[in-house]
């Protein structure tokens, strides 16, 4: 700050130096003026000027130091009280800008909330005709036509469900209810939803649940498992998907293993990134790159650790490592 202060006052410092040097030069050229006396006065003048700079430094930099040290937010209470007219101008400008930004942020938040509510309302409204459509499809006698229609219906249903949870994730802490969940019931429910798709692709399921119950939120855990099962079915052909649970170092682990095409090693660190699909299969237009991203976000709120192992051509294994019971104290108090 001292260097900046001197640079800020450099024009005044140069003016004083130039003035005193000019006086000495005139005295030197004019022999009628005693040079030693003038030199003494100039020295005193420079001494007083340096003392003046030292005394003014803390007062003139206090306001600007508070600007440098304040956080980059809209809180202006940490700014020191201005003293000079220019400092008052700066403070007024900052306060007016902060008010404008707060108002703009508030308006944007209201707009986003309104759009979110409208989208959620639209999704719920669309689910009604989808349910009616599913009931009508069950009456179709042509098996081939019914299977194709059911598959397309399922794709729409899963996309709407993904969109619904995507809008709810920012407020997931307000939607959690921690309880004991029967894994078999939950997993069977998700498999039943994907049944028509699995039949079409010749995919079966094998369950090996050594641990029957976990402590979590049923709705969001179902969403996470739905994303993992959907991902496994999407990238598998005529192979079984194994779902197992077991105890590992006091933690409960749920494992979803498929025999699909696998994931390229260079893609593994990015599969949970928002919007990432694949660097090897660019023609997969059905992928949105949001399923695993949303599953990861939801798992973080539930203190669940998602792991993945995969090799191209050898399938993929996703693991959900559940937290210890005492780690849920924080979540249960929400």
C-alpha atoms as a PDB file:
ATOM      1  CA  UNK A   1       0.000   0.000   0.000  1.00  0.00           C
ATOM      2  CA  UNK A   2       2.969   2.365   0.671  1.00  0.00           C
ATOM      3  CA  UNK A   3       4.191   1.955  -2.899  1.00  0.00           C
ATOM      4  CA  UNK A   4       0.713   2.627  -4.276  1.00  0.00           C
ATOM      5  CA  UNK A   5       0.356   5.647  -2.023  1.00  0.00           C
ATOM      6  CA  UNK A   6       3.644   7.129  -3.277  1.00  0.00           C
ATOM      7  CA  UNK A   7       2.635   6.437  -6.877  1.00  0.00           C
ATOM      8  CA  UNK A   8      -0.718   8.104  -6.251  1.00  0.00           C
ATOM      9  CA  UNK A   9       0.997  11.177  -4.810  1.00  0.00           C
ATOM     10  CA  UNK A  10       3.916  11.125  -7.263  1.00  0.00           C
ATOM     11  CA  UNK A  11       2.783  14.258  -9.099  1.00  0.00           C
ATOM     12  CA  UNK A  12       2.680  16.257  -5.833  1.00  0.00           C
ATOM     13  CA  UNK A  13       6.041  14.853  -4.727  1.00  0.00           C
ATOM     14  CA  UNK A  14       7.626  15.748  -8.071  1.00  0.00           C
ATOM     15  CA  UNK A  15       6.136  19.237  -7.888  1.00  0.00           C
ATOM     16  CA  UNK A  16       7.635  19.865  -4.430  1.00  0.00           C
ATOM     17  CA  UNK A  17      11.022  18.463  -5.496  1.00  0.00           C
ATOM     18  CA  UNK A  18      11.047  20.491  -8.678  1.00  0.00           C
ATOM     19  CA  UNK A  19      10.069  23.684  -6.781  1.00  0.00           C
ATOM     20  CA  UNK A  20      12.819  23.244  -4.198  1.00  0.00           C
ATOM     21  CA  UNK A  21      15.412  22.370  -6.821  1.00  0.00           C
ATOM     22  CA  UNK A  22      14.364  25.418  -8.840  1.00  0.00           C
ATOM     23  CA  UNK A  23      14.797  27.650  -5.767  1.00  0.00           C
ATOM     24  CA  UNK A  24      18.269  26.210  -5.178  1.00  0.00           C
ATOM     25  CA  UNK A  25      19.149  26.710  -8.831  1.00  0.00           C
ATOM     26  CA  UNK A  26      18.056  30.366  -8.751  1.00  0.00           C
ATOM     27  CA  UNK A  27      19.964  30.907  -5.510  1.00  0.00           C
ATOM     28  CA  UNK A  28      23.054  29.338  -7.002  1.00  0.00           C
ATOM     29  CA  UNK A  29      22.832  31.537 -10.094  1.00  0.00           C
ATOM     30  CA  UNK A  30      22.177  34.712  -8.082  1.00  0.00           C
ATOM     31  CA  UNK A  31      25.198  35.453  -5.926  1.00  0.00           C
ATOM     32  CA  UNK A  32      23.332  38.136  -3.996  1.00  0.00           C
ATOM     33  CA  UNK A  33      21.215  35.455  -2.262  1.00  0.00           C
ATOM     34  CA  UNK A  34      23.025  33.496   0.461  1.00  0.00           C
ATOM     35  CA  UNK A  35      23.010  29.896  -0.774  1.00  0.00           C
ATOM     36  CA  UNK A  36      23.582  28.295   2.631  1.00  0.00           C
ATOM     37  CA  UNK A  37      20.555  29.979   4.157  1.00  0.00           C
ATOM     38  CA  UNK A  38      18.323  28.975   1.286  1.00  0.00           C
ATOM     39  CA  UNK A  39      19.666  25.411   1.408  1.00  0.00           C
ATOM     40  CA  UNK A  40      18.817  25.298   5.100  1.00  0.00           C
ATOM     41  CA  UNK A  41      15.238  26.475   4.391  1.00  0.00           C
ATOM     42  CA  UNK A  42      14.840  24.009   1.539  1.00  0.00           C
ATOM     43  CA  UNK A  43      16.068  21.175   3.763  1.00  0.00           C
ATOM     44  CA  UNK A  44      13.578  22.121   6.460  1.00  0.00           C
ATOM     45  CA  UNK A  45      10.863  22.344   3.841  1.00  0.00           C
ATOM     46  CA  UNK A  46      11.661  18.847   2.545  1.00  0.00           C
ATOM     47  CA  UNK A  47      11.766  17.496   6.088  1.00  0.00           C
ATOM     48  CA  UNK A  48       8.356  18.966   6.857  1.00  0.00           C
ATOM     49  CA  UNK A  49       7.016  17.587   3.560  1.00  0.00           C
ATOM     50  CA  UNK A  50       8.265  14.055   4.329  1.00  0.00           C
ATOM     51  CA  UNK A  51       6.762  14.250   7.829  1.00  0.00           C
ATOM     52  CA  UNK A  52       3.507  15.448   6.279  1.00  0.00           C
ATOM     53  CA  UNK A  53       3.445  12.431   3.925  1.00  0.00           C
ATOM     54  CA  UNK A  54       4.107  10.045   6.817  1.00  0.00           C
ATOM     55  CA  UNK A  55       1.367  11.577   8.964  1.00  0.00           C
ATOM     56  CA  UNK A  56      -1.163  11.647   6.103  1.00  0.00           C
ATOM     57  CA  UNK A  57      -0.447   8.087   4.946  1.00  0.00           C
ATOM     58  CA  UNK A  58      -2.680   6.167   7.451  1.00  0.00           C
ATOM     59  CA  UNK A  59      -5.517   8.644   7.133  1.00  0.00           C
ATOM     60  CA  UNK A  60      -5.520   8.762   3.341  1.00  0.00           C
ATOM     61  CA  UNK A  61      -5.151   4.988   2.863  1.00  0.00           C
ATOM     62  CA  UNK A  62      -7.598   3.753   5.526  1.00  0.00           C
ATOM     63  CA  UNK A  63     -10.587   3.927   3.199  1.00  0.00           C
ATOM     64  CA  UNK A  64      -8.778   2.243   0.302  1.00  0.00           C
ATOM     65  CA  UNK A  65      -7.357  -0.488   2.535  1.00  0.00           C
ATOM     66  CA  UNK A  66     -10.911  -1.366   3.562  1.00  0.00           C
ATOM     67  CA  UNK A  67     -11.812  -1.684  -0.138  1.00  0.00           C
ATOM     68  CA  UNK A  68      -8.878  -4.030  -0.755  1.00  0.00           C
ATOM     69  CA  UNK A  69      -9.586  -6.192   2.308  1.00  0.00           C
ATOM     70  CA  UNK A  70     -13.356  -6.488   1.885  1.00  0.00           C
ATOM     71  CA  UNK A  71     -14.886  -9.647   0.448  1.00  0.00           C
ATOM     72  CA  UNK A  72     -16.058  -9.659  -3.145  1.00  0.00           C
ATOM     73  CA  UNK A  73     -19.723  -9.500  -2.268  1.00  0.00           C
ATOM     74  CA  UNK A  74     -22.510  -6.954  -2.006  1.00  0.00           C
ATOM     75  CA  UNK A  75     -21.911  -6.207   1.684  1.00  0.00           C
ATOM     76  CA  UNK A  76     -20.737  -2.583   1.963  1.00  0.00           C
ATOM     77  CA  UNK A  77     -20.721  -2.413   5.772  1.00  0.00           C
ATOM     78  CA  UNK A  78     -17.027  -3.361   5.899  1.00  0.00           C
ATOM     79  CA  UNK A  79     -15.994  -0.217   4.016  1.00  0.00           C
ATOM     80  CA  UNK A  80     -14.352   2.424   6.216  1.00  0.00           C
ATOM     81  CA  UNK A  81     -16.105   5.758   6.714  1.00  0.00           C
ATOM     82  CA  UNK A  82     -15.045   8.136   3.912  1.00  0.00           C
ATOM     83  CA  UNK A  83     -13.476  11.455   4.837  1.00  0.00           C
ATOM     84  CA  UNK A  84     -12.486  13.206   1.630  1.00  0.00           C
ATOM     85  CA  UNK A  85     -14.989  14.322  -1.069  1.00  0.00           C
ATOM     86  CA  UNK A  86     -13.558  11.832  -3.540  1.00  0.00           C
ATOM     87  CA  UNK A  87     -13.962   8.971  -1.039  1.00  0.00           C
ATOM     88  CA  UNK A  88     -17.598   9.996  -0.594  1.00  0.00           C
ATOM     89  CA  UNK A  89     -18.070   9.760  -4.374  1.00  0.00           C
ATOM     90  CA  UNK A  90     -16.529   6.271  -4.415  1.00  0.00           C
ATOM     91  CA  UNK A  91     -18.658   5.088  -1.483  1.00  0.00           C
ATOM     92  CA  UNK A  92     -21.840   6.402  -3.058  1.00  0.00           C
ATOM     93  CA  UNK A  93     -21.008   4.691  -6.347  1.00  0.00           C
ATOM     94  CA  UNK A  94     -20.326   1.352  -4.612  1.00  0.00           C
ATOM     95  CA  UNK A  95     -23.522   1.554  -2.554  1.00  0.00           C
ATOM     96  CA  UNK A  96     -25.642   2.391  -5.609  1.00  0.00           C
ATOM     97  CA  UNK A  97     -24.057  -0.439  -7.595  1.00  0.00           C
ATOM     98  CA  UNK A  98     -24.605  -2.902  -4.722  1.00  0.00           C
ATOM     99  CA  UNK A  99     -28.277  -1.887  -4.497  1.00  0.00           C
ATOM    100  CA  UNK A 100     -28.713  -2.327  -8.247  1.00  0.00           C
ATOM    101  CA  UNK A 101     -27.014  -5.738  -8.231  1.00  0.00           C
ATOM    102  CA  UNK A 102     -29.106  -6.903  -5.258  1.00  0.00           C
ATOM    103  CA  UNK A 103     -32.275  -5.835  -7.025  1.00  0.00           C
ATOM    104  CA  UNK A 104     -31.178  -7.535 -10.257  1.00  0.00           C
ATOM    105  CA  UNK A 105     -30.266 -10.721  -8.375  1.00  0.00           C
ATOM    106  CA  UNK A 106     -33.622 -10.669  -6.589  1.00  0.00           C
ATOM    107  CA  UNK A 107     -35.492 -10.227  -9.889  1.00  0.00           C
ATOM    108  CA  UNK A 108     -33.489 -13.030 -11.519  1.00  0.00           C
ATOM    109  CA  UNK A 109     -34.154 -15.314  -8.558  1.00  0.00           C
ATOM    110  CA  UNK A 110     -37.876 -14.611  -8.762  1.00  0.00           C
ATOM    111  CA  UNK A 111     -37.837 -15.324 -12.499  1.00  0.00           C
ATOM    112  CA  UNK A 112     -35.964 -18.598 -11.989  1.00  0.00           C
ATOM    113  CA  UNK A 113     -38.340 -19.641  -9.219  1.00  0.00           C
ATOM    114  CA  UNK A 114     -41.318 -18.878 -11.420  1.00  0.00           C
ATOM    115  CA  UNK A 115     -39.843 -20.823 -14.348  1.00  0.00           C
ATOM    116  CA  UNK A 116     -39.027 -23.744 -12.036  1.00  0.00           C
ATOM    117  CA  UNK A 117     -42.552 -23.809 -10.648  1.00  0.00           C
ATOM    118  CA  UNK A 118     -44.043 -23.611 -14.144  1.00  0.00           C
ATOM    119  CA  UNK A 119     -41.815 -26.456 -15.362  1.00  0.00           C
ATOM    120  CA  UNK A 120     -42.629 -28.642 -12.354  1.00  0.00           C
ATOM    121  CA  UNK A 121     -46.324 -27.955 -12.890  1.00  0.00           C
ATOM    122  CA  UNK A 122     -45.989 -28.844 -16.581  1.00  0.00           C
ATOM    123  CA  UNK A 123     -44.158 -32.094 -15.777  1.00  0.00           C
ATOM    124  CA  UNK A 124     -46.885 -33.139 -13.330  1.00  0.00           C
ATOM    125  CA  UNK A 125     -49.559 -32.273 -15.898  1.00  0.00           C
ATOM    126  CA  UNK A 126     -47.795 -34.302 -18.601  1.00  0.00           C
ATOM    127  CA  UNK A 127     -47.581 -37.322 -16.303  1.00  0.00           C
ATOM    128  CA  UNK A 128     -51.384 -37.613 -16.279  1.00  0.00           C
ATOM    129  CA  UNK A 129     -51.788 -38.287 -20.038  1.00  0.00           C
ATOM    130  CA  UNK A 130     -48.676 -40.495 -19.897  1.00  0.00           C
ATOM    131  CA  UNK A 131     -50.339 -42.668 -17.277  1.00  0.00           C
ATOM    132  CA  UNK A 132     -53.505 -42.868 -19.389  1.00  0.00           C
ATOM    133  CA  UNK A 133     -51.394 -43.686 -22.444  1.00  0.00           C
ATOM    134  CA  UNK A 134     -49.696 -46.535 -20.586  1.00  0.00           C
ATOM    135  CA  UNK A 135     -53.054 -48.017 -19.627  1.00  0.00           C
ATOM    136  CA  UNK A 136     -54.212 -47.821 -23.257  1.00  0.00           C
ATOM    137  CA  UNK A 137     -51.014 -49.450 -24.517  1.00  0.00           C
ATOM    138  CA  UNK A 138     -51.642 -52.468 -22.310  1.00  0.00           C
ATOM    139  CA  UNK A 139     -54.847 -53.108 -24.295  1.00  0.00           C
ATOM    140  CA  UNK A 140     -53.028 -53.274 -27.645  1.00  0.00           C
ATOM    141  CA  UNK A 141     -53.192 -56.858 -28.923  1.00  0.00           C
ATOM    142  CA  UNK A 142     -50.235 -56.538 -31.315  1.00  0.00           C
ATOM    143  CA  UNK A 143     -47.285 -57.568 -29.100  1.00  0.00           C
ATOM    144  CA  UNK A 144     -44.636 -56.022 -31.334  1.00  0.00           C
ATOM    145  CA  UNK A 145     -46.444 -52.697 -31.539  1.00  0.00           C
ATOM    146  CA  UNK A 146     -47.106 -52.704 -27.786  1.00  0.00           C
ATOM    147  CA  UNK A 147     -43.430 -53.354 -26.986  1.00  0.00           C
ATOM    148  CA  UNK A 148     -42.250 -50.555 -29.274  1.00  0.00           C
ATOM    149  CA  UNK A 149     -44.770 -48.096 -27.884  1.00  0.00           C
ATOM    150  CA  UNK A 150     -43.952 -49.112 -24.307  1.00  0.00           C
ATOM    151  CA  UNK A 151     -40.247 -48.545 -24.965  1.00  0.00           C
ATOM    152  CA  UNK A 152     -40.836 -45.052 -26.360  1.00  0.00           C
ATOM    153  CA  UNK A 153     -43.227 -44.313 -23.484  1.00  0.00           C
ATOM    154  CA  UNK A 154     -40.532 -45.394 -21.019  1.00  0.00           C
ATOM    155  CA  UNK A 155     -37.983 -43.066 -22.618  1.00  0.00           C
ATOM    156  CA  UNK A 156     -40.339 -40.112 -22.211  1.00  0.00           C
ATOM    157  CA  UNK A 157     -41.145 -41.150 -18.648  1.00  0.00           C
ATOM    158  CA  UNK A 158     -37.465 -41.369 -17.679  1.00  0.00           C
ATOM    159  CA  UNK A 159     -36.611 -38.024 -19.298  1.00  0.00           C
ATOM    160  CA  UNK A 160     -39.465 -36.312 -17.457  1.00  0.00           C
ATOM    161  CA  UNK A 161     -38.425 -37.962 -14.206  1.00  0.00           C
ATOM    162  CA  UNK A 162     -34.843 -36.793 -14.737  1.00  0.00           C
ATOM    163  CA  UNK A 163     -36.009 -33.250 -15.469  1.00  0.00           C
ATOM    164  CA  UNK A 164     -38.199 -33.264 -12.373  1.00  0.00           C
ATOM    165  CA  UNK A 165     -35.353 -34.307 -10.081  1.00  0.00           C
ATOM    166  CA  UNK A 166     -32.968 -31.896 -11.762  1.00  0.00           C
ATOM    167  CA  UNK A 167     -35.213 -29.022 -10.692  1.00  0.00           C
ATOM    168  CA  UNK A 168     -35.544 -30.424  -7.165  1.00  0.00           C
ATOM    169  CA  UNK A 169     -31.860 -31.094  -6.486  1.00  0.00           C
ATOM    170  CA  UNK A 170     -30.956 -27.490  -5.486  1.00  0.00           C
ATOM    171  CA  UNK A 171     -33.498 -27.837  -2.655  1.00  0.00           C
ATOM    172  CA  UNK A 172     -32.836 -31.491  -1.811  1.00  0.00           C
ATOM    173  CA  UNK A 173     -31.978 -30.685   1.832  1.00  0.00           C
ATOM    174  CA  UNK A 174     -35.603 -29.590   2.340  1.00  0.00           C
ATOM    175  CA  UNK A 175     -36.895 -32.848   0.864  1.00  0.00           C
ATOM    176  CA  UNK A 176     -34.968 -35.485   2.817  1.00  0.00           C
ATOM    177  CA  UNK A 177     -36.570 -38.011   5.139  1.00  0.00           C
ATOM    178  CA  UNK A 178     -34.070 -40.501   6.537  1.00  0.00           C
ATOM    179  CA  UNK A 179     -35.520 -43.926   7.304  1.00  0.00           C
ATOM    180  CA  UNK A 180     -34.781 -47.638   7.073  1.00  0.00           C
ATOM    181  CA  UNK A 181     -35.340 -48.792   3.493  1.00  0.00           C
ATOM    182  CA  UNK A 182     -35.917 -52.336   2.300  1.00  0.00           C
ATOM    183  CA  UNK A 183     -33.513 -52.674  -0.639  1.00  0.00           C
ATOM    184  CA  UNK A 184     -35.294 -55.604  -2.268  1.00  0.00           C
ATOM    185  CA  UNK A 185     -38.622 -53.763  -2.449  1.00  0.00           C
ATOM    186  CA  UNK A 186     -37.022 -50.604  -3.780  1.00  0.00           C
ATOM    187  CA  UNK A 187     -34.872 -52.376  -6.412  1.00  0.00           C
ATOM    188  CA  UNK A 188     -37.735 -54.600  -7.593  1.00  0.00           C
ATOM    189  CA  UNK A 189     -39.854 -51.495  -8.094  1.00  0.00           C
ATOM    190  CA  UNK A 190     -37.194 -49.911 -10.318  1.00  0.00           C
ATOM    191  CA  UNK A 191     -36.640 -53.142 -12.272  1.00  0.00           C
ATOM    192  CA  UNK A 192     -40.395 -53.445 -12.895  1.00  0.00           C
ATOM    193  CA  UNK A 193     -40.388 -49.946 -14.425  1.00  0.00           C
ATOM    194  CA  UNK A 194     -37.638 -51.013 -16.842  1.00  0.00           C
ATOM    195  CA  UNK A 195     -39.161 -54.446 -17.526  1.00  0.00           C
ATOM    196  CA  UNK A 196     -40.384 -53.818 -21.088  1.00  0.00           C
ATOM    197  CA  UNK A 197     -37.056 -52.289 -22.104  1.00  0.00           C
ATOM    198  CA  UNK A 198     -35.125 -55.202 -20.588  1.00  0.00           C
ATOM    199  CA  UNK A 199     -37.310 -57.780 -22.376  1.00  0.00           C
ATOM    200  CA  UNK A 200     -36.752 -55.994 -25.664  1.00  0.00           C
ATOM    201  CA  UNK A 201     -32.962 -56.114 -25.186  1.00  0.00           C
ATOM    202  CA  UNK A 202     -32.847 -59.606 -23.662  1.00  0.00           C
ATOM    203  CA  UNK A 203     -31.502 -58.401 -20.331  1.00  0.00           C
ATOM    204  CA  UNK A 204     -32.083 -60.176 -17.038  1.00  0.00           C
ATOM    205  CA  UNK A 205     -31.361 -59.284 -13.414  1.00  0.00           C
ATOM    206  CA  UNK A 206     -29.614 -61.205 -10.670  1.00  0.00           C
ATOM    207  CA  UNK A 207     -30.034 -60.018  -7.080  1.00  0.00           C
ATOM    208  CA  UNK A 208     -27.687 -60.968  -4.279  1.00  0.00           C
ATOM    209  CA  UNK A 209     -28.600 -58.839  -1.284  1.00  0.00           C
ATOM    210  CA  UNK A 210     -26.587 -59.891   1.763  1.00  0.00           C
ATOM    211  CA  UNK A 211     -27.696 -56.671   3.494  1.00  0.00           C
ATOM    212  CA  UNK A 212     -31.461 -56.188   3.290  1.00  0.00           C
ATOM    213  CA  UNK A 213     -31.830 -52.663   4.723  1.00  0.00           C
ATOM    214  CA  UNK A 214     -30.075 -49.327   4.466  1.00  0.00           C
ATOM    215  CA  UNK A 215     -30.610 -46.002   6.189  1.00  0.00           C
ATOM    216  CA  UNK A 216     -31.318 -43.280   3.623  1.00  0.00           C
ATOM    217  CA  UNK A 217     -34.026 -41.282   1.849  1.00  0.00           C
ATOM    218  CA  UNK A 218     -36.256 -43.646  -0.147  1.00  0.00           C
ATOM    219  CA  UNK A 219     -37.248 -41.229  -2.903  1.00  0.00           C
ATOM    220  CA  UNK A 220     -33.755 -39.960  -3.698  1.00  0.00           C
ATOM    221  CA  UNK A 221     -32.092 -43.357  -3.271  1.00  0.00           C
ATOM    222  CA  UNK A 222     -34.610 -44.767  -5.753  1.00  0.00           C
ATOM    223  CA  UNK A 223     -33.672 -41.983  -8.169  1.00  0.00           C
ATOM    224  CA  UNK A 224     -29.944 -42.786  -7.852  1.00  0.00           C
ATOM    225  CA  UNK A 225     -30.505 -46.532  -8.378  1.00  0.00           C
ATOM    226  CA  UNK A 226     -32.834 -45.733 -11.307  1.00  0.00           C
ATOM    227  CA  UNK A 227     -30.045 -43.785 -13.019  1.00  0.00           C
ATOM    228  CA  UNK A 228     -27.538 -46.607 -12.491  1.00  0.00           C
ATOM    229  CA  UNK A 229     -29.948 -49.298 -13.725  1.00  0.00           C
ATOM    230  CA  UNK A 230     -31.006 -47.192 -16.707  1.00  0.00           C
ATOM    231  CA  UNK A 231     -27.354 -46.629 -17.573  1.00  0.00           C
ATOM    232  CA  UNK A 232     -26.639 -50.371 -17.273  1.00  0.00           C
ATOM    233  CA  UNK A 233     -29.593 -51.355 -19.470  1.00  0.00           C
ATOM    234  CA  UNK A 234     -28.829 -48.663 -22.053  1.00  0.00           C
ATOM    235  CA  UNK A 235     -25.295 -49.897 -22.687  1.00  0.00           C
ATOM    236  CA  UNK A 236     -25.898 -53.654 -22.404  1.00  0.00           C
ATOM    237  CA  UNK A 237     -27.188 -56.257 -24.871  1.00  0.00           C
ATOM    238  CA  UNK A 238     -28.483 -59.750 -24.007  1.00  0.00           C
ATOM    239  CA  UNK A 239     -26.624 -59.976 -20.695  1.00  0.00           C
ATOM    240  CA  UNK A 240     -27.499 -60.047 -17.024  1.00  0.00           C
ATOM    241  CA  UNK A 241     -27.196 -57.122 -14.640  1.00  0.00           C
ATOM    242  CA  UNK A 242     -26.131 -58.089 -11.126  1.00  0.00           C
ATOM    243  CA  UNK A 243     -27.261 -56.062  -8.137  1.00  0.00           C
ATOM    244  CA  UNK A 244     -25.675 -57.010  -4.822  1.00  0.00           C
ATOM    245  CA  UNK A 245     -25.251 -55.570  -1.350  1.00  0.00           C
ATOM    246  CA  UNK A 246     -22.698 -56.429   1.301  1.00  0.00           C
ATOM    247  CA  UNK A 247     -20.924 -55.129   4.399  1.00  0.00           C
ATOM    248  CA  UNK A 248     -17.462 -53.617   3.981  1.00  0.00           C
ATOM    249  CA  UNK A 249     -15.532 -52.113   6.908  1.00  0.00           C
ATOM    250  CA  UNK A 250     -18.756 -51.164   8.769  1.00  0.00           C
ATOM    251  CA  UNK A 251     -20.150 -49.545   5.619  1.00  0.00           C
ATOM    252  CA  UNK A 252     -22.961 -50.992   3.508  1.00  0.00           C
ATOM    253  CA  UNK A 253     -22.104 -51.227  -0.190  1.00  0.00           C
ATOM    254  CA  UNK A 254     -24.609 -51.604  -3.026  1.00  0.00           C
ATOM    255  CA  UNK A 255     -23.133 -52.774  -6.320  1.00  0.00           C
ATOM    256  CA  UNK A 256     -24.645 -52.607  -9.818  1.00  0.00           C
ATOM    257  CA  UNK A 257     -22.654 -54.624 -12.350  1.00  0.00           C
ATOM    258  CA  UNK A 258     -23.427 -54.991 -16.047  1.00  0.00           C
ATOM    259  CA  UNK A 259     -21.793 -56.850 -18.933  1.00  0.00           C
ATOM    260  CA  UNK A 260     -22.116 -54.023 -21.441  1.00  0.00           C
ATOM    261  CA  UNK A 261     -19.661 -52.227 -23.654  1.00  0.00           C
ATOM    262  CA  UNK A 262     -17.795 -50.623 -20.762  1.00  0.00           C
ATOM    263  CA  UNK A 263     -16.279 -47.159 -20.474  1.00  0.00           C
ATOM    264  CA  UNK A 264     -13.086 -45.935 -22.081  1.00  0.00           C
ATOM    265  CA  UNK A 265     -10.391 -45.213 -19.424  1.00  0.00           C
ATOM    266  CA  UNK A 266     -10.035 -41.604 -20.577  1.00  0.00           C
ATOM    267  CA  UNK A 267     -13.773 -41.067 -20.051  1.00  0.00           C
ATOM    268  CA  UNK A 268     -13.939 -42.470 -16.504  1.00  0.00           C
ATOM    269  CA  UNK A 269     -12.866 -39.261 -14.687  1.00  0.00           C
ATOM    270  CA  UNK A 270     -15.545 -37.296 -16.586  1.00  0.00           C
ATOM    271  CA  UNK A 271     -18.634 -39.506 -16.534  1.00  0.00           C
ATOM    272  CA  UNK A 272     -20.140 -37.591 -13.582  1.00  0.00           C
ATOM    273  CA  UNK A 273     -19.584 -34.196 -15.241  1.00  0.00           C
ATOM    274  CA  UNK A 274     -22.636 -32.227 -16.295  1.00  0.00           C
ATOM    275  CA  UNK A 275     -23.556 -32.867 -19.938  1.00  0.00           C
ATOM    276  CA  UNK A 276     -20.720 -35.340 -20.608  1.00  0.00           C
ATOM    277  CA  UNK A 277     -21.705 -38.296 -22.804  1.00  0.00           C
ATOM    278  CA  UNK A 278     -18.761 -40.028 -24.466  1.00  0.00           C
ATOM    279  CA  UNK A 279     -15.619 -39.339 -26.483  1.00  0.00           C
ATOM    280  CA  UNK A 280     -15.802 -42.689 -28.276  1.00  0.00           C
ATOM    281  CA  UNK A 281     -19.472 -43.035 -29.285  1.00  0.00           C
ATOM    282  CA  UNK A 282     -20.541 -39.672 -30.703  1.00  0.00           C
ATOM    283  CA  UNK A 283     -23.619 -41.062 -32.448  1.00  0.00           C
ATOM    284  CA  UNK A 284     -25.387 -41.841 -29.175  1.00  0.00           C
ATOM    285  CA  UNK A 285     -28.062 -39.174 -29.589  1.00  0.00           C
ATOM    286  CA  UNK A 286     -30.196 -40.663 -26.817  1.00  0.00           C
ATOM    287  CA  UNK A 287     -27.647 -39.734 -24.142  1.00  0.00           C
ATOM    288  CA  UNK A 288     -28.152 -36.449 -22.309  1.00  0.00           C
ATOM    289  CA  UNK A 289     -25.130 -36.580 -20.037  1.00  0.00           C
ATOM    290  CA  UNK A 290     -27.297 -35.661 -17.049  1.00  0.00           C
ATOM    291  CA  UNK A 291     -28.226 -38.992 -15.428  1.00  0.00           C
ATOM    292  CA  UNK A 292     -24.941 -39.772 -13.678  1.00  0.00           C
ATOM    293  CA  UNK A 293     -24.365 -36.090 -12.918  1.00  0.00           C
ATOM    294  CA  UNK A 294     -27.697 -35.854 -11.076  1.00  0.00           C
ATOM    295  CA  UNK A 295     -27.090 -39.194  -9.353  1.00  0.00           C
ATOM    296  CA  UNK A 296     -23.753 -37.905  -8.053  1.00  0.00           C
ATOM    297  CA  UNK A 297     -25.319 -34.656  -6.815  1.00  0.00           C
ATOM    298  CA  UNK A 298     -28.094 -36.512  -5.009  1.00  0.00           C
ATOM    299  CA  UNK A 299     -25.619 -39.014  -3.538  1.00  0.00           C
ATOM    300  CA  UNK A 300     -23.486 -36.202  -2.107  1.00  0.00           C
ATOM    301  CA  UNK A 301     -26.496 -34.846  -0.225  1.00  0.00           C
ATOM    302  CA  UNK A 302     -27.163 -38.341   1.160  1.00  0.00           C
ATOM    303  CA  UNK A 303     -23.468 -38.765   2.109  1.00  0.00           C
ATOM    304  CA  UNK A 304     -23.260 -41.688  -0.320  1.00  0.00           C
ATOM    305  CA  UNK A 305     -19.988 -42.242  -2.190  1.00  0.00           C
ATOM    306  CA  UNK A 306     -20.369 -43.390  -5.798  1.00  0.00           C
ATOM    307  CA  UNK A 307     -17.521 -45.408  -7.263  1.00  0.00           C
ATOM    308  CA  UNK A 308     -17.069 -46.867 -10.742  1.00  0.00           C
ATOM    309  CA  UNK A 309     -14.841 -49.474 -12.334  1.00  0.00           C
ATOM    310  CA  UNK A 310     -14.948 -50.332 -16.012  1.00  0.00           C
ATOM    311  CA  UNK A 311     -13.004 -51.734 -18.928  1.00  0.00           C
ATOM    312  CA  UNK A 312     -14.042 -51.479 -22.592  1.00  0.00           C
ATOM    313  CA  UNK A 313     -15.863 -54.651 -23.620  1.00  0.00           C
ATOM    314  CA  UNK A 314     -15.950 -56.042 -20.076  1.00  0.00           C
ATOM    315  CA  UNK A 315     -18.843 -54.112 -18.539  1.00  0.00           C
ATOM    316  CA  UNK A 316     -19.112 -51.539 -15.783  1.00  0.00           C
ATOM    317  CA  UNK A 317     -19.519 -51.768 -12.012  1.00  0.00           C
ATOM    318  CA  UNK A 318     -21.003 -48.909 -10.006  1.00  0.00           C
ATOM    319  CA  UNK A 319     -20.829 -48.985  -6.211  1.00  0.00           C
ATOM    320  CA  UNK A 320     -22.805 -46.989  -3.656  1.00  0.00           C
ATOM    321  CA  UNK A 321     -21.041 -46.822  -0.285  1.00  0.00           C
ATOM    322  CA  UNK A 322     -23.497 -45.744   2.391  1.00  0.00           C
ATOM    323  CA  UNK A 323     -22.398 -43.671   5.394  1.00  0.00           C
ATOM    324  CA  UNK A 324     -22.280 -44.892   8.959  1.00  0.00           C
ATOM    325  CA  UNK A 325     -25.413 -44.382  11.062  1.00  0.00           C
ATOM    326  CA  UNK A 326     -23.858 -41.661  13.211  1.00  0.00           C
ATOM    327  CA  UNK A 327     -23.043 -39.666  10.062  1.00  0.00           C
ATOM    328  CA  UNK A 328     -26.792 -39.239   9.525  1.00  0.00           C
ATOM    329  CA  UNK A 329     -27.233 -37.141  12.651  1.00  0.00           C
ATOM    330  CA  UNK A 330     -26.714 -33.993  10.589  1.00  0.00           C
ATOM    331  CA  UNK A 331     -29.123 -35.116   7.869  1.00  0.00           C
ATOM    332  CA  UNK A 332     -31.773 -36.269  10.334  1.00  0.00           C
ATOM    333  CA  UNK A 333     -31.825 -32.843  11.963  1.00  0.00           C
ATOM    334  CA  UNK A 334     -32.627 -31.125   8.654  1.00  0.00           C
END
